Amino acid sequence: MARLASIMILVRSVPAATRIYTDALGVRAAYVFEDVAELDLGKNTSLLIQKAEDGRRSEAPLSTGYSPFINFHVKDFDTTVGNMIQHGAYMDGAIKFPPHGRVAAFRTPDGHMLGICEQVSDAT
């Protein structure tokens, strides 16, 4: 069976993009350079953040649409929402309240879709 090893996203600014994950979501950075970063998502899975090529064609790889959608479970939903906005992400729709907890969708300044979920058992 295949195991997910990493997810790679292309961004305009590696340090700025990295801060959303490390400062707003609390993900641990293995390393951060100007053109590449690796974040530890746990269980030997990484999020690779790489600077898109400079030049006329650099916007095409950054046109992400609504895919992929990277989801995170969080312990403090309200604080995380504020942290995400403070670090340049904006909400993509209203907070939803499914039976299992609360969920919210965000778009990062580079256009990546991030979801946060607080499960009912996490909120208590």
PDB file of N, CA and C in Angstrom:
ATOM      1  N   MET A   1       0.836  -1.184   0.000  1.00  0.00           N
ATOM      2  CA  MET A   1       0.000   0.000   0.000  1.00  0.00           C
ATOM      3  C   MET A   1       0.879   1.245   0.000  1.00  0.00           C
ATOM      4  N   ALA A   2       0.513   2.227  -0.782  1.00  0.00           N
ATOM      5  CA  ALA A   2       1.260   3.485  -0.849  1.00  0.00           C
ATOM      6  C   ALA A   2       0.992   4.315   0.405  1.00  0.00           C
ATOM      7  N   ARG A   3       1.992   5.096   0.813  1.00  0.00           N
ATOM      8  CA  ARG A   3       1.876   5.991   1.965  1.00  0.00           C
ATOM      9  C   ARG A   3       2.241   7.388   1.513  1.00  0.00           C
ATOM     10  N   LEU A   4       1.441   8.362   1.867  1.00  0.00           N
ATOM     11  CA  LEU A   4       1.719   9.746   1.518  1.00  0.00           C
ATOM     12  C   LEU A   4       2.997  10.190   2.215  1.00  0.00           C
ATOM     13  N   ALA A   5       3.973  10.654   1.439  1.00  0.00           N
ATOM     14  CA  ALA A   5       5.245  11.106   1.997  1.00  0.00           C
ATOM     15  C   ALA A   5       5.276  12.618   2.162  1.00  0.00           C
ATOM     16  N   SER A   6       4.736  13.343   1.164  1.00  0.00           N
ATOM     17  CA  SER A   6       4.777  14.797   1.249  1.00  0.00           C
ATOM     18  C   SER A   6       3.742  15.411   0.315  1.00  0.00           C
ATOM     19  N   ILE A   7       3.450  16.661   0.596  1.00  0.00           N
ATOM     20  CA  ILE A   7       2.626  17.507  -0.253  1.00  0.00           C
ATOM     21  C   ILE A   7       3.508  18.706  -0.573  1.00  0.00           C
ATOM     22  N   MET A   8       3.587  19.098  -1.841  1.00  0.00           N
ATOM     23  CA  MET A   8       4.389  20.264  -2.213  1.00  0.00           C
ATOM     24  C   MET A   8       3.465  21.341  -2.772  1.00  0.00           C
ATOM     25  N   ILE A   9       3.655  22.561  -2.277  1.00  0.00           N
ATOM     26  CA  ILE A   9       2.908  23.696  -2.808  1.00  0.00           C
ATOM     27  C   ILE A   9       3.889  24.745  -3.308  1.00  0.00           C
ATOM     28  N   LEU A  10       3.483  25.484  -4.320  1.00  0.00           N
ATOM     29  CA  LEU A  10       4.288  26.575  -4.869  1.00  0.00           C
ATOM     30  C   LEU A  10       3.742  27.898  -4.360  1.00  0.00           C
ATOM     31  N   VAL A  11       4.652  28.790  -3.991  1.00  0.00           N
ATOM     32  CA  VAL A  11       4.261  30.068  -3.392  1.00  0.00           C
ATOM     33  C   VAL A  11       5.110  31.203  -3.952  1.00  0.00           C
ATOM     34  N   ARG A  12       4.683  32.424  -3.681  1.00  0.00           N
ATOM     35  CA  ARG A  12       5.451  33.611  -4.083  1.00  0.00           C
ATOM     36  C   ARG A  12       6.574  33.893  -3.087  1.00  0.00           C
ATOM     37  N   SER A  13       6.292  33.727  -1.794  1.00  0.00           N
ATOM     38  CA  SER A  13       7.270  34.001  -0.738  1.00  0.00           C
ATOM     39  C   SER A  13       7.268  32.844   0.246  1.00  0.00           C
ATOM     40  N   VAL A  14       8.354  32.098   0.296  1.00  0.00           N
ATOM     41  CA  VAL A  14       8.443  30.943   1.197  1.00  0.00           C
ATOM     42  C   VAL A  14       8.338  31.375   2.660  1.00  0.00           C
ATOM     43  N   PRO A  15       9.110  32.397   3.117  1.00  0.00           N
ATOM     44  CA  PRO A  15       9.000  32.765   4.533  1.00  0.00           C
ATOM     45  C   PRO A  15       7.582  33.205   4.922  1.00  0.00           C
ATOM     46  N   ALA A  16       6.914  33.999   4.095  1.00  0.00           N
ATOM     47  CA  ALA A  16       5.557  34.456   4.424  1.00  0.00           C
ATOM     48  C   ALA A  16       4.580  33.287   4.443  1.00  0.00           C
ATOM     49  N   ALA A  17       4.668  32.407   3.454  1.00  0.00           N
ATOM     50  CA  ALA A  17       3.770  31.251   3.410  1.00  0.00           C
ATOM     51  C   ALA A  17       4.017  30.324   4.592  1.00  0.00           C
ATOM     52  N   THR A  18       5.263  30.141   4.960  1.00  0.00           N
ATOM     53  CA  THR A  18       5.612  29.254   6.066  1.00  0.00           C
ATOM     54  C   THR A  18       5.003  29.738   7.373  1.00  0.00           C
ATOM     55  N   ARG A  19       4.956  31.045   7.589  1.00  0.00           N
ATOM     56  CA  ARG A  19       4.424  31.593   8.843  1.00  0.00           C
ATOM     57  C   ARG A  19       2.952  31.225   9.063  1.00  0.00           C
ATOM     58  N   ILE A  20       2.171  31.089   7.998  1.00  0.00           N
ATOM     59  CA  ILE A  20       0.769  30.686   8.177  1.00  0.00           C
ATOM     60  C   ILE A  20       0.711  29.318   8.839  1.00  0.00           C
ATOM     61  N   TYR A  21       1.559  28.411   8.399  1.00  0.00           N
ATOM     62  CA  TYR A  21       1.552  27.054   8.939  1.00  0.00           C
ATOM     63  C   TYR A  21       2.192  26.973  10.321  1.00  0.00           C
ATOM     64  N   THR A  22       3.323  27.663  10.513  1.00  0.00           N
ATOM     65  CA  THR A  22       4.035  27.563  11.778  1.00  0.00           C
ATOM     66  C   THR A  22       3.409  28.443  12.855  1.00  0.00           C
ATOM     67  N   ASP A  23       3.138  29.699  12.540  1.00  0.00           N
ATOM     68  CA  ASP A  23       2.636  30.632  13.549  1.00  0.00           C
ATOM     69  C   ASP A  23       1.132  30.509  13.769  1.00  0.00           C
ATOM     70  N   ALA A  24       0.354  30.362  12.697  1.00  0.00           N
ATOM     71  CA  ALA A  24      -1.102  30.309  12.843  1.00  0.00           C
ATOM     72  C   ALA A  24      -1.593  28.915  13.208  1.00  0.00           C
ATOM     73  N   LEU A  25      -0.951  27.875  12.656  1.00  0.00           N
ATOM     74  CA  LEU A  25      -1.423  26.504  12.880  1.00  0.00           C
ATOM     75  C   LEU A  25      -0.549  25.694  13.841  1.00  0.00           C
ATOM     76  N   GLY A  26       0.650  26.170  14.136  1.00  0.00           N
ATOM     77  CA  GLY A  26       1.520  25.469  15.073  1.00  0.00           C
ATOM     78  C   GLY A  26       2.266  24.278  14.493  1.00  0.00           C
ATOM     79  N   VAL A  27       2.396  24.221  13.165  1.00  0.00           N
ATOM     80  CA  VAL A  27       3.137  23.131  12.527  1.00  0.00           C
ATOM     81  C   VAL A  27       4.632  23.389  12.697  1.00  0.00           C
ATOM     82  N   ARG A  28       5.403  22.337  12.971  1.00  0.00           N
ATOM     83  CA  ARG A  28       6.846  22.472  13.199  1.00  0.00           C
ATOM     84  C   ARG A  28       7.598  22.540  11.873  1.00  0.00           C
ATOM     85  N   ALA A  29       8.495  23.499  11.760  1.00  0.00           N
ATOM     86  CA  ALA A  29       9.336  23.627  10.565  1.00  0.00           C
ATOM     87  C   ALA A  29      10.609  22.814  10.750  1.00  0.00           C
ATOM     88  N   ALA A  30      10.908  21.950   9.785  1.00  0.00           N
ATOM     89  CA  ALA A  30      12.184  21.226   9.788  1.00  0.00           C
ATOM     90  C   ALA A  30      13.288  22.165   9.330  1.00  0.00           C
ATOM     91  N   TYR A  31      13.025  22.955   8.287  1.00  0.00           N
ATOM     92  CA  TYR A  31      13.943  23.996   7.823  1.00  0.00           C
ATOM     93  C   TYR A  31      13.182  24.989   6.968  1.00  0.00           C
ATOM     94  N   VAL A  32      13.697  26.233   6.946  1.00  0.00           N
ATOM     95  CA  VAL A  32      13.099  27.300   6.138  1.00  0.00           C
ATOM     96  C   VAL A  32      14.223  28.098   5.505  1.00  0.00           C
ATOM     97  N   PHE A  33      14.225  28.180   4.175  1.00  0.00           N
ATOM     98  CA  PHE A  33      15.144  29.016   3.412  1.00  0.00           C
ATOM     99  C   PHE A  33      14.312  29.958   2.547  1.00  0.00           C
ATOM    100  N   GLU A  34      14.963  30.868   1.856  1.00  0.00           N
ATOM    101  CA  GLU A  34      14.247  31.821   1.011  1.00  0.00           C
ATOM    102  C   GLU A  34      13.460  31.151  -0.112  1.00  0.00           C
ATOM    103  N   ASP A  35      13.957  30.016  -0.627  1.00  0.00           N
ATOM    104  CA  ASP A  35      13.315  29.394  -1.790  1.00  0.00           C
ATOM    105  C   ASP A  35      12.647  28.059  -1.502  1.00  0.00           C
ATOM    106  N   VAL A  36      12.813  27.504  -0.292  1.00  0.00           N
ATOM    107  CA  VAL A  36      12.206  26.212   0.028  1.00  0.00           C
ATOM    108  C   VAL A  36      12.102  26.031   1.542  1.00  0.00           C
ATOM    109  N   ALA A  37      11.049  25.333   1.976  1.00  0.00           N
ATOM    110  CA  ALA A  37      10.884  24.989   3.389  1.00  0.00           C
ATOM    111  C   ALA A  37      10.271  23.600   3.474  1.00  0.00           C
ATOM    112  N   GLU A  38      10.559  22.921   4.578  1.00  0.00           N
ATOM    113  CA  GLU A  38       9.930  21.638   4.843  1.00  0.00           C
ATOM    114  C   GLU A  38       9.301  21.699   6.224  1.00  0.00           C
ATOM    115  N   LEU A  39       8.011  21.374   6.286  1.00  0.00           N
ATOM    116  CA  LEU A  39       7.287  21.369   7.549  1.00  0.00           C
ATOM    117  C   LEU A  39       6.914  19.942   7.900  1.00  0.00           C
ATOM    118  N   ASP A  40       7.019  19.612   9.185  1.00  0.00           N
ATOM    119  CA  ASP A  40       6.743  18.262   9.665  1.00  0.00           C
ATOM    120  C   ASP A  40       5.264  18.137  10.024  1.00  0.00           C
ATOM    121  N   LEU A  41       4.516  17.342   9.232  1.00  0.00           N
ATOM    122  CA  LEU A  41       3.098  17.128   9.494  1.00  0.00           C
ATOM    123  C   LEU A  41       2.853  15.913  10.390  1.00  0.00           C
ATOM    124  N   GLY A  42       3.925  15.244  10.808  1.00  0.00           N
ATOM    125  CA  GLY A  42       3.804  14.068  11.663  1.00  0.00           C
ATOM    126  C   GLY A  42       3.712  12.786  10.861  1.00  0.00           C
ATOM    127  N   LYS A  43       4.006  11.692  11.521  1.00  0.00           N
ATOM    128  CA  LYS A  43       3.956  10.360  10.911  1.00  0.00           C
ATOM    129  C   LYS A  43       4.733  10.304   9.596  1.00  0.00           C
ATOM    130  N   ASN A  44       5.921  10.913   9.602  1.00  0.00           N
ATOM    131  CA  ASN A  44       6.828  10.909   8.442  1.00  0.00           C
ATOM    132  C   ASN A  44       6.211  11.523   7.188  1.00  0.00           C
ATOM    133  N   THR A  45       5.378  12.527   7.367  1.00  0.00           N
ATOM    134  CA  THR A  45       4.770  13.236   6.240  1.00  0.00           C
ATOM    135  C   THR A  45       5.189  14.699   6.317  1.00  0.00           C
ATOM    136  N   SER A  46       5.549  15.264   5.170  1.00  0.00           N
ATOM    137  CA  SER A  46       6.037  16.643   5.118  1.00  0.00           C
ATOM    138  C   SER A  46       5.182  17.495   4.203  1.00  0.00           C
ATOM    139  N   LEU A  47       5.152  18.779   4.506  1.00  0.00           N
ATOM    140  CA  LEU A  47       4.619  19.779   3.592  1.00  0.00           C
ATOM    141  C   LEU A  47       5.822  20.537   3.063  1.00  0.00           C
ATOM    142  N   LEU A  48       6.071  20.430   1.765  1.00  0.00           N
ATOM    143  CA  LEU A  48       7.175  21.137   1.129  1.00  0.00           C
ATOM    144  C   LEU A  48       6.634  22.423   0.531  1.00  0.00           C
ATOM    145  N   ILE A  49       7.262  23.527   0.862  1.00  0.00           N
ATOM    146  CA  ILE A  49       6.857  24.838   0.353  1.00  0.00           C
ATOM    147  C   ILE A  49       7.997  25.340  -0.509  1.00  0.00           C
ATOM    148  N   GLN A  50       7.719  25.555  -1.780  1.00  0.00           N
ATOM    149  CA  GLN A  50       8.767  25.942  -2.725  1.00  0.00           C
ATOM    150  C   GLN A  50       8.377  27.213  -3.459  1.00  0.00           C
ATOM    151  N   LYS A  51       9.354  28.086  -3.642  1.00  0.00           N
ATOM    152  CA  LYS A  51       9.113  29.322  -4.381  1.00  0.00           C
ATOM    153  C   LYS A  51       8.906  29.004  -5.856  1.00  0.00           C
ATOM    154  N   ALA A  52       7.857  29.581  -6.436  1.00  0.00           N
ATOM    155  CA  ALA A  52       7.604  29.412  -7.866  1.00  0.00           C
ATOM    156  C   ALA A  52       8.682  30.161  -8.637  1.00  0.00           C
ATOM    157  N   GLU A  53       8.949  29.714  -9.831  1.00  0.00           N
ATOM    158  CA  GLU A  53       9.950  30.364 -10.677  1.00  0.00           C
ATOM    159  C   GLU A  53       9.587  31.819 -10.903  1.00  0.00           C
ATOM    160  N   ASP A  54      10.604  32.665 -10.969  1.00  0.00           N
ATOM    161  CA  ASP A  54      10.382  34.057 -11.338  1.00  0.00           C
ATOM    162  C   ASP A  54      10.170  34.134 -12.845  1.00  0.00           C
ATOM    163  N   GLY A  55       9.549  35.192 -13.267  1.00  0.00           N
ATOM    164  CA  GLY A  55       9.373  35.380 -14.698  1.00  0.00           C
ATOM    165  C   GLY A  55       7.919  35.405 -15.109  1.00  0.00           C
ATOM    166  N   ARG A  56       7.712  35.479 -16.410  1.00  0.00           N
ATOM    167  CA  ARG A  56       6.375  35.655 -16.962  1.00  0.00           C
ATOM    168  C   ARG A  56       5.470  34.448 -16.697  1.00  0.00           C
ATOM    169  N   ARG A  57       6.017  33.272 -16.567  1.00  0.00           N
ATOM    170  CA  ARG A  57       5.196  32.076 -16.400  1.00  0.00           C
ATOM    171  C   ARG A  57       4.953  31.716 -14.940  1.00  0.00           C
ATOM    172  N   SER A  58       5.413  32.534 -14.013  1.00  0.00           N
ATOM    173  CA  SER A  58       5.341  32.143 -12.611  1.00  0.00           C
ATOM    174  C   SER A  58       3.918  32.114 -12.055  1.00  0.00           C
ATOM    175  N   GLU A  59       2.975  32.835 -12.625  1.00  0.00           N
ATOM    176  CA  GLU A  59       1.612  32.850 -12.090  1.00  0.00           C
ATOM    177  C   GLU A  59       0.838  31.580 -12.424  1.00  0.00           C
ATOM    178  N   ALA A  60       1.138  30.923 -13.534  1.00  0.00           N
ATOM    179  CA  ALA A  60       0.384  29.724 -13.915  1.00  0.00           C
ATOM    180  C   ALA A  60       0.435  28.633 -12.846  1.00  0.00           C
ATOM    181  N   PRO A  61       1.609  28.280 -12.300  1.00  0.00           N
ATOM    182  CA  PRO A  61       1.628  27.243 -11.265  1.00  0.00           C
ATOM    183  C   PRO A  61       0.954  27.670  -9.968  1.00  0.00           C
ATOM    184  N   LEU A  62       0.781  28.982  -9.779  1.00  0.00           N
ATOM    185  CA  LEU A  62       0.165  29.485  -8.559  1.00  0.00           C
ATOM    186  C   LEU A  62      -1.359  29.558  -8.663  1.00  0.00           C
ATOM    187  N   SER A  63      -1.906  29.270  -9.816  1.00  0.00           N
ATOM    188  CA  SER A  63      -3.348  29.291 -10.017  1.00  0.00           C
ATOM    189  C   SER A  63      -3.922  27.970  -9.535  1.00  0.00           C
ATOM    190  N   THR A  64      -4.312  27.936  -8.269  1.00  0.00           N
ATOM    191  CA  THR A  64      -4.663  26.667  -7.643  1.00  0.00           C
ATOM    192  C   THR A  64      -6.146  26.330  -7.696  1.00  0.00           C
ATOM    193  N   GLY A  65      -7.007  27.289  -7.917  1.00  0.00           N
ATOM    194  CA  GLY A  65      -8.430  26.984  -7.849  1.00  0.00           C
ATOM    195  C   GLY A  65      -8.805  26.535  -6.451  1.00  0.00           C
ATOM    196  N   TYR A  66      -9.564  25.448  -6.355  1.00  0.00           N
ATOM    197  CA  TYR A  66      -9.951  24.923  -5.049  1.00  0.00           C
ATOM    198  C   TYR A  66      -9.279  23.598  -4.744  1.00  0.00           C
ATOM    199  N   SER A  67      -8.173  23.311  -5.385  1.00  0.00           N
ATOM    200  CA  SER A  67      -7.513  22.034  -5.176  1.00  0.00           C
ATOM    201  C   SER A  67      -6.008  22.255  -5.140  1.00  0.00           C
ATOM    202  N   PRO A  68      -5.254  21.621  -4.289  1.00  0.00           N
ATOM    203  CA  PRO A  68      -5.721  20.713  -3.240  1.00  0.00           C
ATOM    204  C   PRO A  68      -6.283  21.488  -2.059  1.00  0.00           C
ATOM    205  N   PHE A  69      -6.998  20.813  -1.208  1.00  0.00           N
ATOM    206  CA  PHE A  69      -7.559  21.385   0.007  1.00  0.00           C
ATOM    207  C   PHE A  69      -6.855  20.677   1.164  1.00  0.00           C
ATOM    208  N   ILE A  70      -6.069  21.404   1.941  1.00  0.00           N
ATOM    209  CA  ILE A  70      -5.285  20.830   3.032  1.00  0.00           C
ATOM    210  C   ILE A  70      -6.025  21.109   4.341  1.00  0.00           C
ATOM    211  N   ASN A  71      -6.378  20.055   5.062  1.00  0.00           N
ATOM    212  CA  ASN A  71      -7.181  20.185   6.275  1.00  0.00           C
ATOM    213  C   ASN A  71      -6.373  19.877   7.526  1.00  0.00           C
ATOM    214  N   PHE A  72      -6.654  20.635   8.585  1.00  0.00           N
ATOM    215  CA  PHE A  72      -5.980  20.473   9.869  1.00  0.00           C
ATOM    216  C   PHE A  72      -7.007  20.377  10.986  1.00  0.00           C
ATOM    217  N   HIS A  73      -6.797  19.461  11.938  1.00  0.00           N
ATOM    218  CA  HIS A  73      -7.565  19.449  13.171  1.00  0.00           C
ATOM    219  C   HIS A  73      -6.883  20.413  14.126  1.00  0.00           C
ATOM    220  N   VAL A  74      -7.666  21.247  14.813  1.00  0.00           N
ATOM    221  CA  VAL A  74      -7.105  22.217  15.755  1.00  0.00           C
ATOM    222  C   VAL A  74      -7.793  22.061  17.111  1.00  0.00           C
ATOM    223  N   LYS A  75      -7.082  22.442  18.164  1.00  0.00           N
ATOM    224  CA  LYS A  75      -7.629  22.359  19.523  1.00  0.00           C
ATOM    225  C   LYS A  75      -8.399  23.627  19.904  1.00  0.00           C
ATOM    226  N   ASP A  76      -7.928  24.792  19.448  1.00  0.00           N
ATOM    227  CA  ASP A  76      -8.554  26.076  19.796  1.00  0.00           C
ATOM    228  C   ASP A  76      -9.013  26.759  18.511  1.00  0.00           C
ATOM    229  N   PHE A  77     -10.225  26.484  18.109  1.00  0.00           N
ATOM    230  CA  PHE A  77     -10.775  26.951  16.843  1.00  0.00           C
ATOM    231  C   PHE A  77     -10.764  28.479  16.752  1.00  0.00           C
ATOM    232  N   ASP A  78     -11.292  29.158  17.774  1.00  0.00           N
ATOM    233  CA  ASP A  78     -11.414  30.616  17.724  1.00  0.00           C
ATOM    234  C   ASP A  78     -10.057  31.302  17.600  1.00  0.00           C
ATOM    235  N   THR A  79      -9.078  30.852  18.368  1.00  0.00           N
ATOM    236  CA  THR A  79      -7.739  31.434  18.288  1.00  0.00           C
ATOM    237  C   THR A  79      -7.121  31.170  16.923  1.00  0.00           C
ATOM    238  N   THR A  80      -7.310  29.966  16.398  1.00  0.00           N
ATOM    239  CA  THR A  80      -6.742  29.621  15.093  1.00  0.00           C
ATOM    240  C   THR A  80      -7.358  30.464  13.987  1.00  0.00           C
ATOM    241  N   VAL A  81      -8.664  30.712  14.035  1.00  0.00           N
ATOM    242  CA  VAL A  81      -9.310  31.580  13.037  1.00  0.00           C
ATOM    243  C   VAL A  81      -8.641  32.954  13.058  1.00  0.00           C
ATOM    244  N   GLY A  82      -8.463  33.522  14.243  1.00  0.00           N
ATOM    245  CA  GLY A  82      -7.809  34.827  14.356  1.00  0.00           C
ATOM    246  C   GLY A  82      -6.375  34.804  13.858  1.00  0.00           C
ATOM    247  N   ASN A  83      -5.635  33.750  14.192  1.00  0.00           N
ATOM    248  CA  ASN A  83      -4.247  33.630  13.744  1.00  0.00           C
ATOM    249  C   ASN A  83      -4.164  33.528  12.227  1.00  0.00           C
ATOM    250  N   MET A  84      -5.065  32.767  11.629  1.00  0.00           N
ATOM    251  CA  MET A  84      -5.059  32.618  10.172  1.00  0.00           C
ATOM    252  C   MET A  84      -5.261  33.975   9.489  1.00  0.00           C
ATOM    253  N   ILE A  85      -6.241  34.725   9.960  1.00  0.00           N
ATOM    254  CA  ILE A  85      -6.535  36.041   9.380  1.00  0.00           C
ATOM    255  C   ILE A  85      -5.363  36.991   9.614  1.00  0.00           C
ATOM    256  N   GLN A  86      -4.799  36.964  10.806  1.00  0.00           N
ATOM    257  CA  GLN A  86      -3.654  37.823  11.130  1.00  0.00           C
ATOM    258  C   GLN A  86      -2.469  37.546  10.216  1.00  0.00           C
ATOM    259  N   HIS A  87      -2.321  36.303   9.749  1.00  0.00           N
ATOM    260  CA  HIS A  87      -1.195  35.936   8.893  1.00  0.00           C
ATOM    261  C   HIS A  87      -1.542  35.987   7.407  1.00  0.00           C
ATOM    262  N   GLY A  88      -2.625  36.671   7.053  1.00  0.00           N
ATOM    263  CA  GLY A  88      -2.916  36.964   5.658  1.00  0.00           C
ATOM    264  C   GLY A  88      -3.895  36.045   4.961  1.00  0.00           C
ATOM    265  N   ALA A  89      -4.374  35.003   5.623  1.00  0.00           N
ATOM    266  CA  ALA A  89      -5.393  34.145   5.008  1.00  0.00           C
ATOM    267  C   ALA A  89      -6.752  34.823   5.168  1.00  0.00           C
ATOM    268  N   TYR A  90      -7.670  34.513   4.274  1.00  0.00           N
ATOM    269  CA  TYR A  90      -9.017  35.040   4.457  1.00  0.00           C
ATOM    270  C   TYR A  90     -10.030  33.911   4.337  1.00  0.00           C
ATOM    271  N   MET A  91     -11.133  34.089   5.049  1.00  0.00           N
ATOM    272  CA  MET A  91     -12.152  33.040   5.085  1.00  0.00           C
ATOM    273  C   MET A  91     -12.812  32.910   3.720  1.00  0.00           C
ATOM    274  N   ASP A  92     -13.056  31.680   3.339  1.00  0.00           N
ATOM    275  CA  ASP A  92     -13.724  31.375   2.082  1.00  0.00           C
ATOM    276  C   ASP A  92     -15.073  30.752   2.445  1.00  0.00           C
ATOM    277  N   GLY A  93     -16.016  31.589   2.786  1.00  0.00           N
ATOM    278  CA  GLY A  93     -17.323  31.127   3.239  1.00  0.00           C
ATOM    279  C   GLY A  93     -17.457  31.240   4.743  1.00  0.00           C
ATOM    280  N   ALA A  94     -18.629  30.902   5.216  1.00  0.00           N
ATOM    281  CA  ALA A  94     -18.940  31.008   6.639  1.00  0.00           C
ATOM    282  C   ALA A  94     -18.433  29.787   7.408  1.00  0.00           C
ATOM    283  N   ILE A  95     -18.287  29.962   8.716  1.00  0.00           N
ATOM    284  CA  ILE A  95     -17.991  28.827   9.588  1.00  0.00           C
ATOM    285  C   ILE A  95     -19.203  27.905   9.552  1.00  0.00           C
ATOM    286  N   LYS A  96     -18.933  26.617   9.435  1.00  0.00           N
ATOM    287  CA  LYS A  96     -20.004  25.628   9.390  1.00  0.00           C
ATOM    288  C   LYS A  96     -19.998  24.815  10.680  1.00  0.00           C
ATOM    289  N   PHE A  97     -21.179  24.302  11.032  1.00  0.00           N
ATOM    290  CA  PHE A  97     -21.364  23.590  12.288  1.00  0.00           C
ATOM    291  C   PHE A  97     -21.955  22.195  12.045  1.00  0.00           C
ATOM    292  N   PRO A  98     -21.179  21.287  11.428  1.00  0.00           N
ATOM    293  CA  PRO A  98     -21.681  19.926  11.253  1.00  0.00           C
ATOM    294  C   PRO A  98     -21.764  19.236  12.621  1.00  0.00           C
ATOM    295  N   PRO A  99     -22.430  18.085  12.699  1.00  0.00           N
ATOM    296  CA  PRO A  99     -22.596  17.406  13.991  1.00  0.00           C
ATOM    297  C   PRO A  99     -21.292  17.108  14.727  1.00  0.00           C
ATOM    298  N   HIS A 100     -20.190  16.941  14.016  1.00  0.00           N
ATOM    299  CA  HIS A 100     -18.937  16.560  14.673  1.00  0.00           C
ATOM    300  C   HIS A 100     -18.128  17.745  15.185  1.00  0.00           C
ATOM    301  N   GLY A 101     -18.565  19.007  14.963  1.00  0.00           N
ATOM    302  CA  GLY A 101     -17.811  20.148  15.475  1.00  0.00           C
ATOM    303  C   GLY A 101     -17.981  21.398  14.644  1.00  0.00           C
ATOM    304  N   ARG A 102     -16.884  22.132  14.462  1.00  0.00           N
ATOM    305  CA  ARG A 102     -16.894  23.353  13.646  1.00  0.00           C
ATOM    306  C   ARG A 102     -15.828  23.239  12.570  1.00  0.00           C
ATOM    307  N   VAL A 103     -16.117  23.773  11.380  1.00  0.00           N
ATOM    308  CA  VAL A 103     -15.148  23.783  10.288  1.00  0.00           C
ATOM    309  C   VAL A 103     -15.157  25.153   9.622  1.00  0.00           C
ATOM    310  N   ALA A 104     -13.990  25.534   9.112  1.00  0.00           N
ATOM    311  CA  ALA A 104     -13.860  26.787   8.370  1.00  0.00           C
ATOM    312  C   ALA A 104     -12.851  26.589   7.246  1.00  0.00           C
ATOM    313  N   ALA A 105     -13.078  27.287   6.157  1.00  0.00           N
ATOM    314  CA  ALA A 105     -12.181  27.228   5.005  1.00  0.00           C
ATOM    315  C   ALA A 105     -11.496  28.576   4.839  1.00  0.00           C
ATOM    316  N   PHE A 106     -10.215  28.532   4.483  1.00  0.00           N
ATOM    317  CA  PHE A 106      -9.420  29.741   4.277  1.00  0.00           C
ATOM    318  C   PHE A 106      -8.679  29.632   2.959  1.00  0.00           C
ATOM    319  N   ARG A 107      -8.410  30.782   2.355  1.00  0.00           N
ATOM    320  CA  ARG A 107      -7.532  30.857   1.197  1.00  0.00           C
ATOM    321  C   ARG A 107      -6.310  31.654   1.640  1.00  0.00           C
ATOM    322  N   THR A 108      -5.123  31.088   1.401  1.00  0.00           N
ATOM    323  CA  THR A 108      -3.885  31.773   1.761  1.00  0.00           C
ATOM    324  C   THR A 108      -3.585  32.865   0.733  1.00  0.00           C
ATOM    325  N   PRO A 109      -2.646  33.767   1.033  1.00  0.00           N
ATOM    326  CA  PRO A 109      -2.291  34.785   0.044  1.00  0.00           C
ATOM    327  C   PRO A 109      -1.808  34.197  -1.285  1.00  0.00           C
ATOM    328  N   ASP A 110      -1.296  32.965  -1.281  1.00  0.00           N
ATOM    329  CA  ASP A 110      -0.864  32.305  -2.517  1.00  0.00           C
ATOM    330  C   ASP A 110      -1.984  31.511  -3.169  1.00  0.00           C
ATOM    331  N   GLY A 111      -3.185  31.551  -2.602  1.00  0.00           N
ATOM    332  CA  GLY A 111      -4.331  30.902  -3.208  1.00  0.00           C
ATOM    333  C   GLY A 111      -4.592  29.474  -2.783  1.00  0.00           C
ATOM    334  N   HIS A 112      -3.811  28.937  -1.846  1.00  0.00           N
ATOM    335  CA  HIS A 112      -4.039  27.567  -1.396  1.00  0.00           C
ATOM    336  C   HIS A 112      -5.219  27.519  -0.438  1.00  0.00           C
ATOM    337  N   MET A 113      -5.967  26.448  -0.519  1.00  0.00           N
ATOM    338  CA  MET A 113      -7.128  26.265   0.347  1.00  0.00           C
ATOM    339  C   MET A 113      -6.728  25.464   1.580  1.00  0.00           C
ATOM    340  N   LEU A 114      -7.026  26.024   2.759  1.00  0.00           N
ATOM    341  CA  LEU A 114      -6.764  25.357   4.026  1.00  0.00           C
ATOM    342  C   LEU A 114      -8.070  25.248   4.796  1.00  0.00           C
ATOM    343  N   GLY A 115      -8.296  24.086   5.387  1.00  0.00           N
ATOM    344  CA  GLY A 115      -9.463  23.901   6.230  1.00  0.00           C
ATOM    345  C   GLY A 115      -9.025  23.651   7.656  1.00  0.00           C
ATOM    346  N   ILE A 116      -9.811  24.156   8.602  1.00  0.00           N
ATOM    347  CA  ILE A 116      -9.570  23.835  10.005  1.00  0.00           C
ATOM    348  C   ILE A 116     -10.841  23.211  10.561  1.00  0.00           C
ATOM    349  N   CYS A 117     -10.656  22.265  11.452  1.00  0.00           N
ATOM    350  CA  CYS A 117     -11.779  21.551  12.045  1.00  0.00           C
ATOM    351  C   CYS A 117     -11.516  21.380  13.528  1.00  0.00           C
ATOM    352  N   GLU A 118     -12.513  21.717  14.320  1.00  0.00           N
ATOM    353  CA  GLU A 118     -12.465  21.442  15.750  1.00  0.00           C
ATOM    354  C   GLU A 118     -13.548  20.420  16.024  1.00  0.00           C
ATOM    355  N   GLN A 119     -13.153  19.228  16.412  1.00  0.00           N
ATOM    356  CA  GLN A 119     -14.121  18.187  16.690  1.00  0.00           C
ATOM    357  C   GLN A 119     -14.758  18.433  18.042  1.00  0.00           C
ATOM    358  N   VAL A 120     -15.982  17.969  18.212  1.00  0.00           N
ATOM    359  CA  VAL A 120     -16.723  18.190  19.460  1.00  0.00           C
ATOM    360  C   VAL A 120     -15.888  17.764  20.656  1.00  0.00           C
ATOM    361  N   SER A 121     -15.213  16.639  20.599  1.00  0.00           N
ATOM    362  CA  SER A 121     -14.405  16.173  21.726  1.00  0.00           C
ATOM    363  C   SER A 121     -13.203  17.077  21.973  1.00  0.00           C
ATOM    364  N   ASP A 122     -12.699  17.782  20.928  1.00  0.00           N
ATOM    365  CA  ASP A 122     -11.572  18.707  21.093  1.00  0.00           C
ATOM    366  C   ASP A 122     -12.007  19.982  21.798  1.00  0.00           C
ATOM    367  N   ALA A 123     -13.251  20.379  21.621  1.00  0.00           N
ATOM    368  CA  ALA A 123     -13.738  21.651  22.146  1.00  0.00           C
ATOM    369  C   ALA A 123     -14.045  21.575  23.637  1.00  0.00           C
ATOM    370  N   THR A 124     -14.216  20.394  24.164  1.00  0.00           N
ATOM    371  CA  THR A 124     -14.604  20.269  25.572  1.00  0.00           C
ATOM    372  C   THR A 124     -13.412  20.127  26.480  1.00  0.00           C
TER     373      THR A 124
END
